Amino acid sequence: MPLLPHAHGPHAHRPDAHGPGAPGRATPAEAHELARTGAAVLLDVREAAEFAAGHAPGALHQPLIGLAAGVPLPTGATGRTVLAICRSGNRSGRAAELLARRGVEALNVVGGMGAWALAGLPVTTSDGGAGHVI
């Protein structure tokens, strides 16, 4: 049974899927829907230049290195389910694990922004222009 009622795909988090307290996973389409409906917040954990080049609309930004150093979540993510995303899913997987250890319900977006863009989901810049994934 998924922890998030909206995440029903093959990667949705189940209590037994990855061990107790482990973060779950969501496909880009699931993550887009969860963020669009307000059920979760996207947290982009890439470096500043990567985020500036293009990110998911509405995504908050906190590089993995900051999370690893114990920097608090950005305003808007506190107390919410977090969808961690990076370029490929590796850094965001580590971020989701760090957040889960902090007691945050966190999901890793499988395939990251690369898979997000390949799925035809929107990529934007902070000024609202068309973005691209680097």
Protein backbone atom coordinates (compact mmCIF):
# COMPACT_ATOMS: atom_id res chain seq x y z
CA MET A 1 0.00 0.00 0.00
CA PRO A 2 1.55 3.35 -0.99
CA LEU A 3 2.22 5.84 1.77
CA LEU A 4 0.98 8.57 -0.56
CA PRO A 5 -2.51 7.88 -1.90
CA HIS A 6 -1.64 9.52 -5.23
CA ALA A 7 1.53 7.50 -5.87
CA HIS A 8 0.27 4.24 -7.33
CA GLY A 9 2.92 3.44 -9.96
CA PRO A 10 5.48 0.66 -9.81
CA HIS A 11 7.91 2.84 -7.86
CA ALA A 12 5.45 4.16 -5.25
CA HIS A 13 6.73 3.76 -1.71
CA ARG A 14 5.48 0.76 0.20
CA PRO A 15 6.48 0.22 3.84
CA ASP A 16 8.27 -3.03 2.88
CA ALA A 17 9.72 -1.87 -0.45
CA HIS A 18 13.07 -0.58 0.78
CA GLY A 19 13.18 -1.43 4.47
CA PRO A 20 11.88 0.46 7.48
CA GLY A 21 12.40 4.21 7.30
CA ALA A 22 13.79 4.09 3.77
CA PRO A 23 12.60 6.68 1.27
CA GLY A 24 10.30 5.67 -1.52
CA ARG A 25 10.40 6.46 -5.21
CA ALA A 26 8.06 8.19 -7.64
CA THR A 27 8.10 8.37 -11.41
CA PRO A 28 8.34 11.84 -12.97
CA ALA A 29 4.64 11.65 -13.90
CA GLU A 30 3.69 10.73 -10.33
CA ALA A 31 5.91 13.50 -8.94
CA HIS A 32 4.41 16.04 -11.33
CA GLU A 33 0.89 15.12 -10.24
CA LEU A 34 1.74 15.13 -6.52
CA ALA A 35 3.38 18.56 -6.83
CA ARG A 36 0.62 19.94 -9.07
CA THR A 37 -2.09 18.98 -6.58
CA GLY A 38 -0.10 20.24 -3.59
CA ALA A 39 0.18 16.78 -2.05
CA ALA A 40 3.99 17.13 -2.02
CA VAL A 41 6.72 19.63 -2.82
CA LEU A 42 9.55 19.17 -5.33
CA LEU A 43 13.04 19.79 -3.94
CA ASP A 44 15.77 20.10 -6.56
CA VAL A 45 19.09 19.07 -5.02
CA ARG A 46 21.34 19.91 -7.99
CA GLU A 47 23.96 22.65 -7.94
CA ALA A 48 22.92 26.27 -8.54
CA ALA A 49 24.01 26.39 -12.21
CA GLU A 50 22.05 23.23 -13.00
CA PHE A 51 18.94 24.58 -11.28
CA ALA A 52 19.28 27.95 -13.05
CA ALA A 53 19.49 26.27 -16.47
CA GLY A 54 16.16 24.54 -15.95
CA HIS A 55 14.03 22.96 -13.27
CA ALA A 56 10.51 21.71 -12.67
CA PRO A 57 8.03 24.59 -12.22
CA GLY A 58 7.52 25.38 -8.55
CA ALA A 59 10.53 23.35 -7.41
CA LEU A 60 12.39 24.56 -4.36
CA HIS A 61 16.18 24.45 -4.39
CA GLN A 62 18.66 23.12 -1.84
CA PRO A 63 21.85 21.48 -3.12
CA LEU A 64 22.65 18.05 -1.72
CA ILE A 65 25.82 19.35 -0.08
CA GLY A 66 23.68 21.69 2.04
CA LEU A 67 21.31 18.92 3.07
CA ALA A 68 24.29 16.72 3.96
CA ALA A 69 25.66 19.55 6.12
CA GLY A 70 22.35 19.78 8.01
CA VAL A 71 21.03 22.96 6.39
CA PRO A 72 17.29 23.21 7.12
CA LEU A 73 14.78 22.60 4.37
CA PRO A 74 13.72 25.68 2.41
CA THR A 75 10.60 27.49 3.55
CA GLY A 76 7.69 25.76 1.90
CA ALA A 77 9.09 22.25 2.36
CA THR A 78 8.96 22.07 6.15
CA GLY A 79 6.33 19.63 7.34
CA ARG A 80 5.49 18.44 3.82
CA THR A 81 6.19 15.34 1.80
CA VAL A 82 9.32 16.04 -0.25
CA LEU A 83 9.95 14.82 -3.79
CA ALA A 84 13.74 14.95 -4.18
CA ILE A 85 14.95 15.44 -7.75
CA CYS A 86 18.36 15.87 -9.40
CA ARG A 87 19.64 15.24 -12.94
CA SER A 88 19.60 11.43 -12.92
CA GLY A 89 18.20 10.29 -9.58
CA ASN A 90 21.50 9.53 -7.82
CA ARG A 91 21.95 12.70 -5.74
CA SER A 92 18.23 12.88 -5.06
CA GLY A 93 18.32 9.29 -3.81
CA ARG A 94 20.96 10.30 -1.29
CA ALA A 95 18.95 13.41 -0.40
CA ALA A 96 15.79 11.35 0.16
CA GLU A 97 17.76 9.03 2.47
CA LEU A 98 19.11 12.01 4.44
CA LEU A 99 15.63 13.50 4.73
CA ALA A 100 14.11 10.17 5.79
CA ARG A 101 16.69 9.98 8.60
CA ARG A 102 15.48 13.43 9.69
CA GLY A 103 11.93 12.09 9.87
CA VAL A 104 10.79 13.72 6.63
CA GLU A 105 8.56 11.70 4.31
CA ALA A 106 10.68 11.80 1.17
CA LEU A 107 10.47 10.23 -2.27
CA ASN A 108 13.22 10.06 -4.88
CA VAL A 109 12.09 11.00 -8.40
CA VAL A 110 13.33 8.07 -10.50
CA GLY A 111 15.50 9.19 -13.42
CA GLY A 112 15.60 12.80 -12.20
CA MET A 113 15.23 15.82 -14.46
CA GLY A 114 16.53 13.83 -17.42
CA ALA A 115 13.54 11.47 -17.20
CA TRP A 116 11.27 14.42 -16.35
CA ALA A 117 12.19 16.18 -19.59
CA LEU A 118 11.99 12.94 -21.63
CA ALA A 119 8.45 12.45 -20.28
CA GLY A 120 7.52 15.81 -21.82
CA LEU A 121 7.00 17.49 -18.46
CA PRO A 122 7.70 21.24 -18.22
CA VAL A 123 11.19 22.60 -17.57
CA THR A 124 11.50 26.29 -16.74
CA THR A 125 13.93 28.91 -15.49
CA SER A 126 13.42 31.13 -12.45
CA ASP A 127 12.28 33.99 -14.71
CA GLY A 128 9.64 31.78 -16.33
CA GLY A 129 11.49 31.11 -19.58
CA ALA A 130 11.96 27.73 -21.21
CA GLY A 131 14.68 25.79 -19.44
CA HIS A 132 16.85 22.83 -20.30
CA VAL A 133 18.47 20.09 -18.25
CA ILE A 134 22.24 20.14 -17.77
